[in-house]
Amino acid sequence: MNDSTLKAQQRPQRIIDVSGLPHTVFGSGQSILWWGTMGMVVIEGTFFALLLASYFYLRTRVTDWPPAQTVPSLTFGTINIVIAVVSLVPNYLAKKAGSSLNLTGCRILLTIMSLISIACLILRWFEFPSLNCMWYDNAYASVTWVLLGMHTIHLVTDGFDTWVLNIMMFTGPIQGKRFMDVSENCLYWNFVVLAWIPIYLVLYWAPRWL
C-alpha cells in the first residue's frame, strides 16, 4: 500500500445531509420529470415537423392537390380544434392546482380534462372518414392519415394519463409526486393542443389554399 492510498483511507469522510431537500419540485431546471417531458416534446415535435415537410414535398410532385380526391370536410376537425383550444383554460388551472398541491382543484379540473379528452377522441373517430380518402389511395392519402393517426396516438396516451391521474386523486394514496405528475401531464397536453393547430391547418385548409 503506497502513501497516497494510506492517506486517502485516513482522510475523514465528509457527509452531506440531504434530508432537508424537497421531495416534490415543480418547474424548469428543478424536476427531472420536467426535463423528461421536454425531451419528449422536442422529439415528437420534430417528428410532426418532418411529417408536415413530407406533406408539402408531396405537393410539389403533382399538379392537382389533393390528387384525384375530394377536399376533407371541415365540420368535425373544426369542432375538435375549438374544443382543444378552449381546453387550454381548464388545463392551465389544473396545472396551477397541481403546483399548489390543491387536491380539490385537481380532482375537479382533472375530471373536466378527462371528459374533454374523451370528447376529442369521439370527434376524432368521425374525422378519419371526413378526410374523404383511404390511407392506401395515394401518397396524399397516406400522409394525411399518418398525420391524423399520429396525433390521435398522442390524444390517447395523454388522455389515458389524465384518466389514471384523476382516479388516483380520488383513491389515493395522495403523495406530493402525484401533484407533480398532474403539473407535467398538463404541460404535455399543451403540446398536444399546440401541435394540433398546424396539423389541422395543413389537413383541412392546405388542400383548399394550395
N, C-alpha and C. Protein backbone atom coordinates (compact mmCIF):
# COMPACT_ATOMS: atom_id res chain seq x y z
N MET A 1 0.86 -1.19 0.00
CA MET A 1 0.00 0.00 0.00
C MET A 1 0.90 1.24 0.00
N ASN A 2 0.74 2.10 -0.97
CA ASN A 2 1.58 3.28 -1.05
C ASN A 2 1.03 4.37 -0.14
N ASP A 3 1.83 5.46 -0.01
CA ASP A 3 1.49 6.54 0.92
C ASP A 3 0.20 7.25 0.52
N SER A 4 -0.02 7.45 -0.79
CA SER A 4 -1.22 8.19 -1.24
C SER A 4 -2.49 7.41 -0.91
N THR A 5 -2.44 6.08 -1.04
CA THR A 5 -3.61 5.26 -0.71
C THR A 5 -3.88 5.28 0.78
N LEU A 6 -2.83 5.23 1.59
CA LEU A 6 -2.97 5.26 3.04
C LEU A 6 -3.56 6.58 3.50
N LYS A 7 -3.09 7.68 2.90
CA LYS A 7 -3.61 9.00 3.28
C LYS A 7 -5.08 9.13 2.90
N ALA A 8 -5.44 8.56 1.75
CA ALA A 8 -6.83 8.65 1.31
C ALA A 8 -7.75 7.90 2.27
N GLN A 9 -7.27 6.77 2.80
CA GLN A 9 -8.09 5.99 3.72
C GLN A 9 -8.19 6.67 5.08
N GLN A 10 -7.17 7.41 5.45
CA GLN A 10 -7.17 8.07 6.75
C GLN A 10 -7.91 9.40 6.73
N ARG A 11 -8.15 9.95 5.51
CA ARG A 11 -8.81 11.25 5.40
C ARG A 11 -10.26 11.12 5.87
N PRO A 12 -10.75 12.00 6.72
CA PRO A 12 -12.13 11.92 7.21
C PRO A 12 -13.13 12.11 6.06
N GLN A 13 -14.17 11.30 6.06
CA GLN A 13 -15.19 11.37 5.02
C GLN A 13 -16.20 12.46 5.33
N ARG A 14 -16.50 13.29 4.32
CA ARG A 14 -17.48 14.35 4.51
C ARG A 14 -18.87 13.79 4.24
N ILE A 15 -19.79 13.98 5.13
CA ILE A 15 -21.16 13.51 4.99
C ILE A 15 -22.05 14.69 4.61
N ILE A 16 -22.75 14.55 3.51
CA ILE A 16 -23.64 15.60 3.05
C ILE A 16 -25.06 15.26 3.47
N ASP A 17 -25.70 16.15 4.20
CA ASP A 17 -27.05 15.94 4.67
C ASP A 17 -28.04 16.45 3.62
N VAL A 18 -28.80 15.55 3.03
CA VAL A 18 -29.78 15.94 2.01
C VAL A 18 -31.21 15.79 2.53
N SER A 19 -31.36 15.60 3.81
CA SER A 19 -32.69 15.37 4.38
C SER A 19 -33.59 16.60 4.24
N GLY A 20 -32.96 17.77 4.10
CA GLY A 20 -33.76 18.98 4.00
C GLY A 20 -34.22 19.31 2.61
N LEU A 21 -33.77 18.55 1.61
CA LEU A 21 -34.18 18.83 0.22
C LEU A 21 -35.65 18.47 0.02
N PRO A 22 -36.38 19.23 -0.79
CA PRO A 22 -37.80 18.95 -1.01
C PRO A 22 -38.00 17.65 -1.79
N HIS A 23 -39.07 16.95 -1.47
CA HIS A 23 -39.40 15.70 -2.16
C HIS A 23 -40.17 15.97 -3.46
N THR A 24 -40.81 17.12 -3.55
CA THR A 24 -41.60 17.47 -4.71
C THR A 24 -41.17 18.83 -5.22
N VAL A 25 -40.79 18.88 -6.50
CA VAL A 25 -40.37 20.15 -7.10
C VAL A 25 -41.11 20.33 -8.41
N PHE A 26 -41.32 21.58 -8.77
CA PHE A 26 -42.03 21.92 -10.00
C PHE A 26 -41.20 22.88 -10.82
N GLY A 27 -41.45 22.85 -12.13
CA GLY A 27 -40.86 23.87 -12.99
C GLY A 27 -39.57 23.46 -13.64
N SER A 28 -39.13 24.35 -14.55
CA SER A 28 -37.95 24.07 -15.36
C SER A 28 -36.68 24.08 -14.51
N GLY A 29 -35.77 23.19 -14.86
CA GLY A 29 -34.47 23.16 -14.23
C GLY A 29 -34.43 22.49 -12.88
N GLN A 30 -35.58 22.12 -12.32
CA GLN A 30 -35.61 21.52 -10.99
C GLN A 30 -36.10 20.08 -11.01
N SER A 31 -37.13 19.81 -11.77
CA SER A 31 -37.73 18.49 -11.79
C SER A 31 -37.17 17.65 -12.93
N ILE A 32 -36.71 16.44 -12.63
CA ILE A 32 -36.23 15.54 -13.67
C ILE A 32 -37.38 15.13 -14.58
N LEU A 33 -38.61 15.10 -14.02
CA LEU A 33 -39.78 14.79 -14.83
C LEU A 33 -40.03 15.89 -15.87
N TRP A 34 -39.77 17.13 -15.49
CA TRP A 34 -39.92 18.26 -16.44
C TRP A 34 -38.96 18.09 -17.60
N TRP A 35 -37.72 17.74 -17.31
CA TRP A 35 -36.73 17.53 -18.37
C TRP A 35 -37.14 16.36 -19.27
N GLY A 36 -37.68 15.32 -18.68
CA GLY A 36 -38.15 14.19 -19.48
C GLY A 36 -39.30 14.59 -20.40
N THR A 37 -40.23 15.39 -19.86
CA THR A 37 -41.35 15.86 -20.68
C THR A 37 -40.86 16.73 -21.82
N MET A 38 -39.91 17.62 -21.53
CA MET A 38 -39.38 18.49 -22.57
C MET A 38 -38.64 17.68 -23.65
N GLY A 39 -37.96 16.63 -23.21
CA GLY A 39 -37.28 15.78 -24.18
C GLY A 39 -38.26 15.11 -25.13
N MET A 40 -39.38 14.63 -24.59
CA MET A 40 -40.40 14.01 -25.44
C MET A 40 -41.02 15.03 -26.38
N VAL A 41 -41.25 16.24 -25.88
CA VAL A 41 -41.83 17.30 -26.71
C VAL A 41 -40.92 17.61 -27.89
N VAL A 42 -39.62 17.71 -27.63
CA VAL A 42 -38.67 18.01 -28.71
C VAL A 42 -38.65 16.89 -29.74
N ILE A 43 -38.58 15.65 -29.27
CA ILE A 43 -38.52 14.50 -30.19
C ILE A 43 -39.80 14.40 -31.01
N GLU A 44 -40.94 14.45 -30.35
CA GLU A 44 -42.20 14.27 -31.06
C GLU A 44 -42.55 15.50 -31.90
N GLY A 45 -42.16 16.69 -31.43
CA GLY A 45 -42.35 17.87 -32.25
C GLY A 45 -41.55 17.80 -33.54
N THR A 46 -40.33 17.28 -33.45
CA THR A 46 -39.51 17.09 -34.64
C THR A 46 -40.15 16.09 -35.60
N PHE A 47 -40.72 15.04 -35.04
CA PHE A 47 -41.39 14.03 -35.88
C PHE A 47 -42.57 14.65 -36.63
N PHE A 48 -43.38 15.45 -35.95
CA PHE A 48 -44.50 16.11 -36.61
C PHE A 48 -44.01 17.08 -37.68
N ALA A 49 -42.93 17.79 -37.39
CA ALA A 49 -42.37 18.72 -38.38
C ALA A 49 -41.93 17.97 -39.64
N LEU A 50 -41.33 16.80 -39.48
CA LEU A 50 -40.91 16.01 -40.63
C LEU A 50 -42.11 15.51 -41.44
N LEU A 51 -43.17 15.13 -40.76
CA LEU A 51 -44.38 14.71 -41.46
C LEU A 51 -44.98 15.86 -42.26
N LEU A 52 -45.01 17.05 -41.65
CA LEU A 52 -45.54 18.22 -42.36
C LEU A 52 -44.68 18.57 -43.55
N ALA A 53 -43.36 18.45 -43.39
CA ALA A 53 -42.45 18.71 -44.51
C ALA A 53 -42.69 17.70 -45.63
N SER A 54 -42.96 16.46 -45.27
CA SER A 54 -43.26 15.43 -46.27
C SER A 54 -44.52 15.77 -47.04
N TYR A 55 -45.51 16.29 -46.32
CA TYR A 55 -46.77 16.68 -46.96
C TYR A 55 -46.51 17.73 -48.05
N PHE A 56 -45.75 18.77 -47.70
CA PHE A 56 -45.50 19.84 -48.66
C PHE A 56 -44.56 19.39 -49.79
N TYR A 57 -43.68 18.45 -49.49
CA TYR A 57 -42.84 17.91 -50.55
C TYR A 57 -43.69 17.17 -51.58
N LEU A 58 -44.62 16.36 -51.09
CA LEU A 58 -45.50 15.63 -52.00
C LEU A 58 -46.35 16.58 -52.83
N ARG A 59 -46.69 17.73 -52.26
CA ARG A 59 -47.47 18.71 -53.01
C ARG A 59 -46.71 19.20 -54.24
N THR A 60 -45.38 19.27 -54.15
CA THR A 60 -44.59 19.75 -55.28
C THR A 60 -44.47 18.72 -56.39
N ARG A 61 -44.89 17.48 -56.13
CA ARG A 61 -44.73 16.40 -57.11
C ARG A 61 -45.93 16.26 -58.05
N VAL A 62 -47.04 16.91 -57.75
CA VAL A 62 -48.24 16.74 -58.56
C VAL A 62 -48.81 18.11 -58.92
N THR A 63 -49.68 18.12 -59.94
CA THR A 63 -50.30 19.37 -60.36
C THR A 63 -51.55 19.67 -59.55
N ASP A 64 -52.42 18.69 -59.40
CA ASP A 64 -53.67 18.86 -58.66
C ASP A 64 -53.49 18.42 -57.22
N TRP A 65 -54.08 19.19 -56.30
CA TRP A 65 -53.98 18.86 -54.87
C TRP A 65 -55.31 19.12 -54.20
N PRO A 66 -55.88 18.11 -53.58
CA PRO A 66 -55.40 16.73 -53.49
C PRO A 66 -55.58 15.99 -54.82
N PRO A 67 -54.69 15.06 -55.10
CA PRO A 67 -54.74 14.37 -56.39
C PRO A 67 -55.91 13.39 -56.47
N ALA A 68 -56.83 13.67 -57.34
CA ALA A 68 -57.98 12.79 -57.58
C ALA A 68 -58.77 12.50 -56.30
N GLN A 69 -58.80 13.49 -55.41
CA GLN A 69 -59.55 13.31 -54.16
C GLN A 69 -60.43 14.53 -53.91
N THR A 70 -61.44 14.35 -53.06
CA THR A 70 -62.26 15.45 -52.58
C THR A 70 -61.60 16.05 -51.35
N VAL A 71 -61.64 17.37 -51.23
CA VAL A 71 -61.03 18.01 -50.06
C VAL A 71 -61.72 17.53 -48.79
N PRO A 72 -61.00 17.47 -47.68
CA PRO A 72 -61.60 17.00 -46.43
C PRO A 72 -62.75 17.91 -45.97
N SER A 73 -63.72 17.29 -45.32
CA SER A 73 -64.83 18.05 -44.73
C SER A 73 -64.34 18.76 -43.47
N LEU A 74 -64.87 19.94 -43.22
CA LEU A 74 -64.35 20.77 -42.13
C LEU A 74 -65.02 20.53 -40.78
N THR A 75 -66.20 19.97 -40.77
CA THR A 75 -67.06 20.00 -39.58
C THR A 75 -66.39 19.44 -38.34
N PHE A 76 -66.05 18.16 -38.36
CA PHE A 76 -65.57 17.50 -37.14
C PHE A 76 -64.18 17.99 -36.73
N GLY A 77 -63.30 18.24 -37.71
CA GLY A 77 -61.98 18.75 -37.37
C GLY A 77 -62.04 20.13 -36.74
N THR A 78 -62.96 20.98 -37.24
CA THR A 78 -63.08 22.33 -36.70
C THR A 78 -63.65 22.32 -35.30
N ILE A 79 -64.68 21.49 -35.09
CA ILE A 79 -65.23 21.36 -33.73
C ILE A 79 -64.15 20.87 -32.77
N ASN A 80 -63.35 19.93 -33.23
CA ASN A 80 -62.31 19.35 -32.38
C ASN A 80 -61.26 20.38 -31.99
N ILE A 81 -60.86 21.20 -32.94
CA ILE A 81 -59.81 22.17 -32.60
C ILE A 81 -60.35 23.27 -31.69
N VAL A 82 -61.63 23.61 -31.85
CA VAL A 82 -62.22 24.60 -30.94
C VAL A 82 -62.23 24.07 -29.52
N ILE A 83 -62.66 22.81 -29.35
CA ILE A 83 -62.67 22.20 -28.01
C ILE A 83 -61.25 22.12 -27.45
N ALA A 84 -60.30 21.76 -28.31
CA ALA A 84 -58.91 21.61 -27.85
C ALA A 84 -58.35 22.95 -27.37
N VAL A 85 -58.60 24.01 -28.13
CA VAL A 85 -58.08 25.32 -27.73
C VAL A 85 -58.75 25.81 -26.45
N VAL A 86 -60.07 25.61 -26.35
CA VAL A 86 -60.78 26.00 -25.13
C VAL A 86 -60.26 25.22 -23.93
N SER A 87 -59.84 23.98 -24.14
CA SER A 87 -59.36 23.13 -23.05
C SER A 87 -58.09 23.67 -22.40
N LEU A 88 -57.40 24.58 -23.08
CA LEU A 88 -56.18 25.15 -22.51
C LEU A 88 -56.47 25.92 -21.22
N VAL A 89 -57.70 26.42 -21.09
CA VAL A 89 -58.06 27.17 -19.87
C VAL A 89 -58.16 26.24 -18.66
N PRO A 90 -59.02 25.20 -18.67
CA PRO A 90 -59.03 24.30 -17.51
C PRO A 90 -57.71 23.56 -17.33
N ASN A 91 -56.99 23.33 -18.43
CA ASN A 91 -55.69 22.67 -18.31
C ASN A 91 -54.70 23.55 -17.55
N TYR A 92 -54.72 24.86 -17.84
CA TYR A 92 -53.86 25.79 -17.11
C TYR A 92 -54.23 25.81 -15.63
N LEU A 93 -55.53 25.82 -15.35
CA LEU A 93 -55.98 25.83 -13.95
C LEU A 93 -55.61 24.52 -13.25
N ALA A 94 -55.66 23.39 -13.98
CA ALA A 94 -55.26 22.11 -13.39
C ALA A 94 -53.78 22.10 -13.07
N LYS A 95 -52.98 22.65 -13.96
CA LYS A 95 -51.54 22.74 -13.71
C LYS A 95 -51.26 23.61 -12.48
N LYS A 96 -51.98 24.70 -12.39
CA LYS A 96 -51.83 25.59 -11.24
C LYS A 96 -52.25 24.91 -9.95
N ALA A 97 -53.34 24.13 -10.00
CA ALA A 97 -53.80 23.39 -8.82
C ALA A 97 -52.78 22.34 -8.40
N GLY A 98 -52.18 21.66 -9.39
CA GLY A 98 -51.16 20.68 -9.07
C GLY A 98 -49.94 21.31 -8.43
N SER A 99 -49.50 22.44 -8.97
CA SER A 99 -48.31 23.11 -8.44
C SER A 99 -48.53 23.65 -7.04
N SER A 100 -49.79 23.95 -6.68
CA SER A 100 -50.10 24.47 -5.34
C SER A 100 -50.62 23.39 -4.40
N LEU A 101 -50.53 22.11 -4.83
CA LEU A 101 -50.96 20.97 -4.01
C LEU A 101 -52.43 21.07 -3.62
N ASN A 102 -53.24 21.58 -4.52
CA ASN A 102 -54.67 21.78 -4.28
C ASN A 102 -55.42 20.52 -4.70
N LEU A 103 -55.74 19.65 -3.75
CA LEU A 103 -56.35 18.36 -4.05
C LEU A 103 -57.74 18.52 -4.66
N THR A 104 -58.57 19.37 -4.06
CA THR A 104 -59.93 19.56 -4.58
C THR A 104 -59.90 20.11 -6.00
N GLY A 105 -59.03 21.09 -6.23
CA GLY A 105 -58.90 21.66 -7.56
C GLY A 105 -58.44 20.62 -8.57
N CYS A 106 -57.50 19.78 -8.19
CA CYS A 106 -57.01 18.74 -9.09
C CYS A 106 -58.13 17.76 -9.44
N ARG A 107 -58.92 17.40 -8.45
CA ARG A 107 -60.00 16.44 -8.70
C ARG A 107 -61.02 17.02 -9.69
N ILE A 108 -61.43 18.25 -9.46
CA ILE A 108 -62.45 18.86 -10.32
C ILE A 108 -61.90 19.06 -11.73
N LEU A 109 -60.72 19.64 -11.83
CA LEU A 109 -60.18 20.01 -13.13
C LEU A 109 -59.70 18.80 -13.92
N LEU A 110 -59.18 17.79 -13.25
CA LEU A 110 -58.81 16.57 -13.97
C LEU A 110 -60.04 15.83 -14.49
N THR A 111 -61.14 15.92 -13.75
CA THR A 111 -62.39 15.33 -14.25
C THR A 111 -62.84 16.05 -15.51
N ILE A 112 -62.75 17.37 -15.51
CA ILE A 112 -63.11 18.15 -16.71
C ILE A 112 -62.19 17.78 -17.87
N MET A 113 -60.88 17.70 -17.60
CA MET A 113 -59.94 17.37 -18.67
C MET A 113 -60.14 15.95 -19.18
N SER A 114 -60.54 15.03 -18.30
CA SER A 114 -60.82 13.67 -18.73
C SER A 114 -61.99 13.64 -19.70
N LEU A 115 -63.04 14.40 -19.38
CA LEU A 115 -64.21 14.46 -20.25
C LEU A 115 -63.86 15.12 -21.58
N ILE A 116 -63.01 16.15 -21.53
CA ILE A 116 -62.60 16.82 -22.78
C ILE A 116 -61.81 15.86 -23.66
N SER A 117 -60.91 15.09 -23.08
CA SER A 117 -60.12 14.16 -23.88
C SER A 117 -61.01 13.11 -24.52
N ILE A 118 -62.05 12.66 -23.80
CA ILE A 118 -62.98 11.69 -24.38
C ILE A 118 -63.74 12.32 -25.54
N ALA A 119 -64.18 13.57 -25.36
CA ALA A 119 -64.89 14.27 -26.43
C ALA A 119 -64.01 14.42 -27.67
N CYS A 120 -62.74 14.75 -27.46
CA CYS A 120 -61.82 14.90 -28.60
C CYS A 120 -61.63 13.58 -29.34
N LEU A 121 -61.57 12.48 -28.60
CA LEU A 121 -61.39 11.18 -29.24
C LEU A 121 -62.65 10.74 -29.98
N ILE A 122 -63.82 11.05 -29.45
CA ILE A 122 -65.06 10.72 -30.16
C ILE A 122 -65.12 11.50 -31.47
N LEU A 123 -64.78 12.77 -31.43
CA LEU A 123 -64.77 13.57 -32.65
C LEU A 123 -63.72 13.05 -33.63
N ARG A 124 -62.58 12.61 -33.11
CA ARG A 124 -61.52 12.09 -33.97
C ARG A 124 -62.00 10.84 -34.73
N TRP A 125 -62.86 10.06 -34.11
CA TRP A 125 -63.41 8.88 -34.77
C TRP A 125 -64.13 9.27 -36.06
N PHE A 126 -64.80 10.42 -36.02
CA PHE A 126 -65.52 10.90 -37.21
C PHE A 126 -64.62 11.68 -38.17
N GLU A 127 -63.45 12.09 -37.68
CA GLU A 127 -62.55 12.86 -38.54
C GLU A 127 -61.93 12.01 -39.64
N PHE A 128 -61.62 10.78 -39.33
CA PHE A 128 -60.97 9.94 -40.35
C PHE A 128 -61.84 9.77 -41.60
N PRO A 129 -63.14 9.46 -41.47
CA PRO A 129 -63.96 9.41 -42.68
C PRO A 129 -64.09 10.77 -43.37
N SER A 130 -64.00 11.86 -42.58
CA SER A 130 -64.16 13.19 -43.18
C SER A 130 -62.96 13.59 -44.03
N LEU A 131 -61.88 12.82 -43.98
CA LEU A 131 -60.74 13.09 -44.87
C LEU A 131 -61.09 12.77 -46.33
N ASN A 132 -62.16 12.01 -46.52
CA ASN A 132 -62.65 11.66 -47.86
C ASN A 132 -61.62 10.88 -48.69
N CYS A 133 -60.83 10.06 -48.01
CA CYS A 133 -59.88 9.19 -48.69
C CYS A 133 -59.49 8.07 -47.75
N MET A 134 -58.92 7.03 -48.31
CA MET A 134 -58.37 5.94 -47.51
C MET A 134 -56.85 5.99 -47.61
N TRP A 135 -56.20 5.50 -46.59
CA TRP A 135 -54.74 5.66 -46.49
C TRP A 135 -54.01 5.03 -47.67
N TYR A 136 -54.61 4.06 -48.32
CA TYR A 136 -53.94 3.35 -49.40
C TYR A 136 -54.24 3.94 -50.78
N ASP A 137 -55.02 5.01 -50.86
CA ASP A 137 -55.40 5.57 -52.16
C ASP A 137 -54.21 6.11 -52.94
N ASN A 138 -53.40 6.93 -52.31
CA ASN A 138 -52.23 7.52 -52.94
C ASN A 138 -51.34 8.12 -51.85
N ALA A 139 -50.26 8.80 -52.27
CA ALA A 139 -49.31 9.37 -51.30
C ALA A 139 -49.97 10.45 -50.45
N TYR A 140 -50.82 11.26 -51.07
CA TYR A 140 -51.54 12.30 -50.31
C TYR A 140 -52.38 11.67 -49.21
N ALA A 141 -53.14 10.65 -49.56
CA ALA A 141 -53.99 10.00 -48.58
C ALA A 141 -53.15 9.38 -47.45
N SER A 142 -52.03 8.79 -47.81
CA SER A 142 -51.17 8.15 -46.81
C SER A 142 -50.64 9.17 -45.80
N VAL A 143 -50.13 10.30 -46.28
CA VAL A 143 -49.53 11.26 -45.37
C VAL A 143 -50.59 11.93 -44.49
N THR A 144 -51.80 12.14 -45.03
CA THR A 144 -52.85 12.73 -44.20
C THR A 144 -53.30 11.77 -43.11
N TRP A 145 -53.43 10.50 -43.45
CA TRP A 145 -53.81 9.51 -42.44
C TRP A 145 -52.73 9.35 -41.38
N VAL A 146 -51.48 9.38 -41.79
CA VAL A 146 -50.38 9.25 -40.81
C VAL A 146 -50.37 10.46 -39.88
N LEU A 147 -50.55 11.66 -40.43
CA LEU A 147 -50.58 12.86 -39.59
C LEU A 147 -51.70 12.78 -38.56
N LEU A 148 -52.89 12.46 -39.04
CA LEU A 148 -54.03 12.39 -38.12
C LEU A 148 -53.89 11.22 -37.16
N GLY A 149 -53.36 10.11 -37.66
CA GLY A 149 -53.19 8.93 -36.82
C GLY A 149 -52.18 9.14 -35.71
N MET A 150 -51.05 9.77 -36.03
CA MET A 150 -50.03 10.01 -35.01
C MET A 150 -50.53 10.98 -33.95
N HIS A 151 -51.28 12.00 -34.37
CA HIS A 151 -51.82 12.91 -33.36
C HIS A 151 -52.87 12.21 -32.50
N THR A 152 -53.60 11.28 -33.11
CA THR A 152 -54.59 10.51 -32.34
C THR A 152 -53.91 9.68 -31.26
N ILE A 153 -52.76 9.11 -31.58
CA ILE A 153 -52.00 8.35 -30.58
C ILE A 153 -51.64 9.24 -29.40
N HIS A 154 -51.25 10.48 -29.68
CA HIS A 154 -50.92 11.42 -28.60
C HIS A 154 -52.16 11.75 -27.77
N LEU A 155 -53.31 11.90 -28.44
CA LEU A 155 -54.55 12.13 -27.70
C LEU A 155 -54.86 10.95 -26.77
N VAL A 156 -54.69 9.75 -27.28
CA VAL A 156 -54.99 8.56 -26.48
C VAL A 156 -54.05 8.46 -25.28
N THR A 157 -52.75 8.62 -25.51
CA THR A 157 -51.78 8.44 -24.43
C THR A 157 -51.95 9.50 -23.35
N ASP A 158 -52.11 10.78 -23.76
CA ASP A 158 -52.27 11.82 -22.74
C ASP A 158 -53.63 11.72 -22.07
N GLY A 159 -54.66 11.34 -22.85
CA GLY A 159 -55.96 11.12 -22.24
C GLY A 159 -55.91 10.01 -21.21
N PHE A 160 -55.22 8.91 -21.52
CA PHE A 160 -55.09 7.80 -20.58
C PHE A 160 -54.37 8.26 -19.31
N ASP A 161 -53.28 9.02 -19.47
CA ASP A 161 -52.57 9.54 -18.30
C ASP A 161 -53.49 10.40 -17.44
N THR A 162 -54.30 11.21 -18.09
CA THR A 162 -55.22 12.09 -17.35
C THR A 162 -56.25 11.28 -16.59
N TRP A 163 -56.80 10.24 -17.23
CA TRP A 163 -57.79 9.39 -16.55
C TRP A 163 -57.18 8.69 -15.34
N VAL A 164 -55.96 8.16 -15.51
CA VAL A 164 -55.30 7.46 -14.41
C VAL A 164 -55.03 8.41 -13.25
N LEU A 165 -54.49 9.59 -13.56
CA LEU A 165 -54.21 10.57 -12.50
C LEU A 165 -55.49 11.00 -11.80
N ASN A 166 -56.55 11.15 -12.56
CA ASN A 166 -57.83 11.55 -11.97
C ASN A 166 -58.31 10.49 -10.97
N ILE A 167 -58.22 9.23 -11.36
CA ILE A 167 -58.62 8.14 -10.46
C ILE A 167 -57.75 8.12 -9.21
N MET A 168 -56.45 8.31 -9.39
CA MET A 168 -55.53 8.27 -8.26
C MET A 168 -55.79 9.42 -7.29
N MET A 169 -56.23 10.56 -7.82
CA MET A 169 -56.53 11.69 -6.95
C MET A 169 -57.76 11.44 -6.07
N PHE A 170 -58.62 10.53 -6.51
CA PHE A 170 -59.79 10.18 -5.72
C PHE A 170 -59.55 8.98 -4.82
N THR A 171 -58.68 8.07 -5.25
CA THR A 171 -58.49 6.82 -4.50
C THR A 171 -57.24 6.81 -3.63
N GLY A 172 -56.24 7.65 -3.97
CA GLY A 172 -55.01 7.69 -3.20
C GLY A 172 -54.06 6.57 -3.57
N PRO A 173 -52.93 6.47 -2.88
CA PRO A 173 -52.51 7.40 -1.84
C PRO A 173 -52.14 8.78 -2.41
N ILE A 174 -52.45 9.81 -1.67
CA ILE A 174 -52.17 11.18 -2.09
C ILE A 174 -50.75 11.53 -1.67
N GLN A 175 -49.87 11.63 -2.63
CA GLN A 175 -48.47 11.96 -2.37
C GLN A 175 -48.06 13.19 -3.15
N GLY A 176 -46.99 13.83 -2.71
CA GLY A 176 -46.53 15.03 -3.39
C GLY A 176 -46.19 14.79 -4.84
N LYS A 177 -45.62 13.63 -5.13
CA LYS A 177 -45.23 13.35 -6.51
C LYS A 177 -46.43 13.23 -7.44
N ARG A 178 -47.60 12.91 -6.90
CA ARG A 178 -48.80 12.85 -7.73
C ARG A 178 -49.16 14.24 -8.23
N PHE A 179 -48.99 15.26 -7.40
CA PHE A 179 -49.26 16.63 -7.82
C PHE A 179 -48.26 17.06 -8.89
N MET A 180 -47.03 16.61 -8.76
CA MET A 180 -46.03 16.89 -9.77
C MET A 180 -46.41 16.21 -11.09
N ASP A 181 -46.95 15.00 -11.01
CA ASP A 181 -47.42 14.31 -12.21
C ASP A 181 -48.54 15.08 -12.89
N VAL A 182 -49.44 15.64 -12.11
CA VAL A 182 -50.53 16.45 -12.66
C VAL A 182 -49.97 17.64 -13.41
N SER A 183 -49.02 18.32 -12.81
CA SER A 183 -48.43 19.50 -13.43
C SER A 183 -47.76 19.17 -14.76
N GLU A 184 -47.00 18.09 -14.80
CA GLU A 184 -46.29 17.73 -16.02
C GLU A 184 -47.24 17.17 -17.08
N ASN A 185 -48.28 16.47 -16.64
CA ASN A 185 -49.27 15.97 -17.60
C ASN A 185 -49.99 17.13 -18.29
N CYS A 186 -50.27 18.18 -17.53
CA CYS A 186 -50.89 19.36 -18.12
C CYS A 186 -49.95 20.03 -19.12
N LEU A 187 -48.67 20.04 -18.80
CA LEU A 187 -47.69 20.61 -19.72
C LEU A 187 -47.69 19.84 -21.04
N TYR A 188 -47.79 18.53 -20.97
CA TYR A 188 -47.80 17.73 -22.19
C TYR A 188 -49.09 17.94 -22.99
N TRP A 189 -50.20 18.15 -22.31
CA TRP A 189 -51.45 18.43 -23.01
C TRP A 189 -51.33 19.73 -23.82
N ASN A 190 -50.62 20.70 -23.28
CA ASN A 190 -50.38 21.92 -24.05
C ASN A 190 -49.70 21.60 -25.38
N PHE A 191 -48.73 20.71 -25.34
CA PHE A 191 -48.05 20.30 -26.57
C PHE A 191 -49.01 19.62 -27.54
N VAL A 192 -49.86 18.72 -27.01
CA VAL A 192 -50.81 18.01 -27.87
C VAL A 192 -51.73 19.00 -28.58
N VAL A 193 -52.20 20.01 -27.85
CA VAL A 193 -53.09 21.01 -28.45
C VAL A 193 -52.34 21.89 -29.45
N LEU A 194 -51.17 22.38 -29.06
CA LEU A 194 -50.42 23.29 -29.94
C LEU A 194 -49.94 22.57 -31.20
N ALA A 195 -49.65 21.28 -31.09
CA ALA A 195 -49.27 20.51 -32.28
C ALA A 195 -50.46 20.32 -33.21
N TRP A 196 -51.65 20.27 -32.64
CA TRP A 196 -52.85 20.05 -33.45
C TRP A 196 -53.18 21.24 -34.34
N ILE A 197 -52.80 22.45 -33.93
CA ILE A 197 -53.14 23.64 -34.71
C ILE A 197 -52.53 23.61 -36.11
N PRO A 198 -51.19 23.45 -36.27
CA PRO A 198 -50.65 23.38 -37.63
C PRO A 198 -51.11 22.13 -38.39
N ILE A 199 -51.31 21.01 -37.67
CA ILE A 199 -51.79 19.81 -38.35
C ILE A 199 -53.19 20.03 -38.90
N TYR A 200 -54.04 20.66 -38.10
CA TYR A 200 -55.40 20.97 -38.57
C TYR A 200 -55.36 21.87 -39.80
N LEU A 201 -54.54 22.91 -39.77
CA LEU A 201 -54.46 23.83 -40.90
C LEU A 201 -53.98 23.11 -42.17
N VAL A 202 -53.02 22.22 -42.00
CA VAL A 202 -52.48 21.51 -43.16
C VAL A 202 -53.50 20.50 -43.69
N LEU A 203 -54.13 19.74 -42.81
CA LEU A 203 -55.05 18.70 -43.26
C LEU A 203 -56.31 19.27 -43.90
N TYR A 204 -56.86 20.32 -43.29
CA TYR A 204 -58.18 20.79 -43.72
C TYR A 204 -58.16 22.03 -44.60
N TRP A 205 -57.13 22.85 -44.47
CA TRP A 205 -57.12 24.10 -45.23
C TRP A 205 -56.08 24.13 -46.34
N ALA A 206 -54.96 23.42 -46.17
CA ALA A 206 -53.96 23.41 -47.23
C ALA A 206 -54.52 22.90 -48.56
N PRO A 207 -55.38 21.85 -48.57
CA PRO A 207 -55.95 21.42 -49.85
C PRO A 207 -56.83 22.48 -50.50
N ARG A 208 -57.33 23.42 -49.71
CA ARG A 208 -58.15 24.48 -50.26
C ARG A 208 -57.33 25.68 -50.69
N TRP A 209 -56.17 25.85 -50.08
CA TRP A 209 -55.33 27.02 -50.39
C TRP A 209 -54.29 26.74 -51.47
N LEU A 210 -53.77 25.51 -51.50
CA LEU A 210 -52.63 25.21 -52.38
C LEU A 210 -53.09 24.92 -53.81
